Amino acid sequence: MTPIATARGAKWLAQAGLRPTRQRLSLAALLIGDGQNRHVTAESLYAAARAAGEKVSLATVYNTLRAFCDVGLMAEITVDGNKSHFDTRTDDHPHFYWEDDNRLSDAPADELRITGLPEAPEGTEIAHVNVVIRLKRV
């Protein structure tokens, strides 16, 4: 990890009030160290961490991603009800899911039009709307 990537990761953790453990710092640096947004799975982040020489378990990666989501640093996007992707971009925006590659990417939000939503049941409110557009190659 570069010093800039590590510093960005430390700042990211600090703004959310997370203690900067060694594992959190290394994963944060991989996720946002270059200033770009990322869509990752726990498995892909684990592979990237191992490739970078980090000693981290897959369970630690899962737990760390959950902690990042819990404090609002990341958003979890579930595809097929059993596969979670994690996004460092936390504003509301749609996604493309590339079925052939099991990959998530941002879709152009300015082209999406939602003209109506069902009324929320009594005593509830709509907290968030996820739009995932599934793609397959032809």
Protein backbone atom coordinates (compact mmCIF):
# COMPACT_ATOMS: atom_id res chain seq x y z
CA MET A 1 0.00 0.00 0.00
CA THR A 2 1.20 3.48 -0.75
CA PRO A 3 1.35 6.06 2.03
CA ILE A 4 -1.33 8.08 0.21
CA ALA A 5 -3.66 5.05 0.03
CA THR A 6 -3.11 4.32 3.71
CA ALA A 7 -3.74 7.96 4.67
CA ARG A 8 -6.96 8.02 2.64
CA GLY A 9 -8.05 4.81 4.32
CA ALA A 10 -7.28 6.18 7.79
CA LYS A 11 -9.23 9.38 7.08
CA TRP A 12 -12.17 7.35 5.75
CA LEU A 13 -12.28 5.25 8.92
CA ALA A 14 -11.90 8.32 11.16
CA GLN A 15 -14.80 10.16 9.55
CA ALA A 16 -17.03 7.21 10.48
CA GLY A 17 -15.58 6.86 13.97
CA LEU A 18 -14.12 3.41 13.31
CA ARG A 19 -10.99 2.33 15.16
CA PRO A 20 -8.17 1.94 12.60
CA THR A 21 -7.09 -1.66 13.18
CA ARG A 22 -4.40 -3.07 10.90
CA GLN A 23 -6.96 -5.11 8.96
CA ARG A 24 -9.41 -2.23 8.60
CA LEU A 25 -6.65 0.10 7.42
CA SER A 26 -5.35 -2.33 4.82
CA LEU A 27 -8.84 -3.10 3.47
CA ALA A 28 -9.81 0.59 3.48
CA ALA A 29 -6.65 1.43 1.53
CA LEU A 30 -7.53 -1.21 -1.05
CA LEU A 31 -11.11 0.05 -1.31
CA ILE A 32 -10.62 3.82 -1.53
CA GLY A 33 -6.86 4.39 -1.53
CA ASP A 34 -6.76 5.57 -5.13
CA GLY A 35 -9.80 7.83 -4.74
CA GLN A 36 -11.99 5.67 -7.00
CA ASN A 37 -15.25 3.98 -6.06
CA ARG A 38 -15.31 0.20 -5.92
CA HIS A 39 -17.85 -2.60 -6.21
CA VAL A 40 -16.47 -5.68 -4.49
CA THR A 41 -17.56 -8.99 -3.09
CA ALA A 42 -15.98 -10.30 0.09
CA GLU A 43 -14.19 -12.89 -2.00
CA SER A 44 -12.78 -10.36 -4.49
CA LEU A 45 -11.58 -8.07 -1.69
CA TYR A 46 -10.02 -11.04 0.10
CA ALA A 47 -8.18 -11.99 -3.11
CA ALA A 48 -6.95 -8.41 -3.58
CA ALA A 49 -5.76 -8.25 0.03
CA ARG A 50 -3.88 -11.53 -0.29
CA ALA A 51 -2.35 -10.39 -3.60
CA ALA A 52 -1.16 -7.23 -1.81
CA GLY A 53 0.54 -9.38 0.82
CA GLU A 54 -1.96 -8.68 3.59
CA LYS A 55 -2.48 -11.39 6.16
CA VAL A 56 -6.25 -11.38 6.56
CA SER A 57 -8.87 -14.13 6.72
CA LEU A 58 -12.02 -14.28 4.63
CA ALA A 59 -14.05 -14.09 7.85
CA THR A 60 -12.26 -10.86 8.78
CA VAL A 61 -13.05 -9.43 5.35
CA TYR A 62 -16.74 -10.28 5.80
CA ASN A 63 -16.79 -8.77 9.30
CA THR A 64 -14.96 -5.65 8.14
CA LEU A 65 -17.30 -5.10 5.19
CA ARG A 66 -20.26 -5.47 7.58
CA ALA A 67 -18.69 -2.88 9.95
CA PHE A 68 -18.12 -0.49 7.02
CA CYS A 69 -21.78 -0.88 5.99
CA ASP A 70 -23.03 -0.46 9.56
CA VAL A 71 -21.40 2.98 9.84
CA GLY A 72 -22.41 4.11 6.34
CA LEU A 73 -19.04 3.88 4.59
CA MET A 74 -20.34 1.31 2.12
CA ALA A 75 -23.65 0.08 0.76
CA GLU A 76 -24.55 -3.58 0.38
CA ILE A 77 -26.28 -4.57 -2.85
CA THR A 78 -27.73 -8.07 -2.84
CA VAL A 79 -28.08 -9.87 -6.14
CA ASP A 80 -30.12 -13.09 -6.37
CA GLY A 81 -30.79 -12.99 -2.64
CA ASN A 82 -27.57 -14.80 -1.81
CA LYS A 83 -24.69 -12.87 -3.32
CA SER A 84 -23.75 -9.54 -1.79
CA HIS A 85 -21.74 -6.86 -3.50
CA PHE A 86 -20.42 -3.87 -1.59
CA ASP A 87 -20.19 -0.36 -3.01
CA THR A 88 -18.02 2.48 -1.71
CA ARG A 89 -20.39 4.94 -3.37
CA THR A 90 -23.24 5.32 -0.89
CA ASP A 91 -25.58 7.79 -2.61
CA ASP A 92 -28.73 6.47 -4.29
CA HIS A 93 -27.85 5.27 -7.77
CA PRO A 94 -28.74 2.34 -10.05
CA HIS A 95 -26.47 -0.56 -10.95
CA PHE A 96 -25.83 -2.89 -13.85
CA TYR A 97 -25.28 -6.51 -12.85
CA TRP A 98 -23.24 -8.31 -15.49
CA GLU A 99 -24.49 -11.90 -15.23
CA ASP A 100 -21.69 -13.39 -17.32
CA ASP A 101 -18.99 -11.88 -15.07
CA ASN A 102 -20.84 -11.74 -11.72
CA ARG A 103 -19.88 -8.06 -11.68
CA LEU A 104 -21.63 -4.88 -10.57
CA SER A 105 -21.09 -1.43 -12.07
CA ASP A 106 -22.80 1.93 -11.81
CA ALA A 107 -25.58 2.64 -14.29
CA PRO A 108 -26.29 6.18 -15.49
CA ALA A 109 -28.68 7.62 -12.90
CA ASP A 110 -29.71 10.51 -15.13
CA GLU A 111 -31.30 8.04 -17.56
CA LEU A 112 -33.42 6.28 -14.92
CA ARG A 113 -37.04 7.35 -14.44
CA ILE A 114 -39.15 5.94 -11.63
CA THR A 115 -42.61 7.38 -12.08
CA GLY A 116 -44.25 5.82 -9.06
CA LEU A 117 -43.77 3.54 -6.11
CA PRO A 118 -46.38 1.61 -4.16
CA GLU A 119 -47.53 3.21 -0.94
CA ALA A 120 -45.63 1.93 2.07
CA PRO A 121 -47.67 -0.14 4.52
CA GLU A 122 -49.11 1.70 7.51
CA GLY A 123 -46.50 2.54 10.12
CA THR A 124 -43.58 2.33 7.67
CA GLU A 125 -41.77 4.52 5.20
CA ILE A 126 -39.65 3.73 2.16
CA ALA A 127 -36.05 3.95 3.29
CA HIS A 128 -34.29 3.13 0.04
CA VAL A 129 -34.95 1.81 -3.46
CA ASN A 130 -32.35 -0.43 -5.07
CA VAL A 131 -32.37 -0.67 -8.85
CA VAL A 132 -30.27 -3.45 -10.32
CA ILE A 133 -30.48 -3.92 -14.07
CA ARG A 134 -29.34 -7.41 -15.03
CA LEU A 135 -27.34 -7.72 -18.24
CA LYS A 136 -26.27 -10.73 -20.29
CA ARG A 137 -24.21 -10.83 -23.43
CA VAL A 138 -25.95 -11.79 -26.67
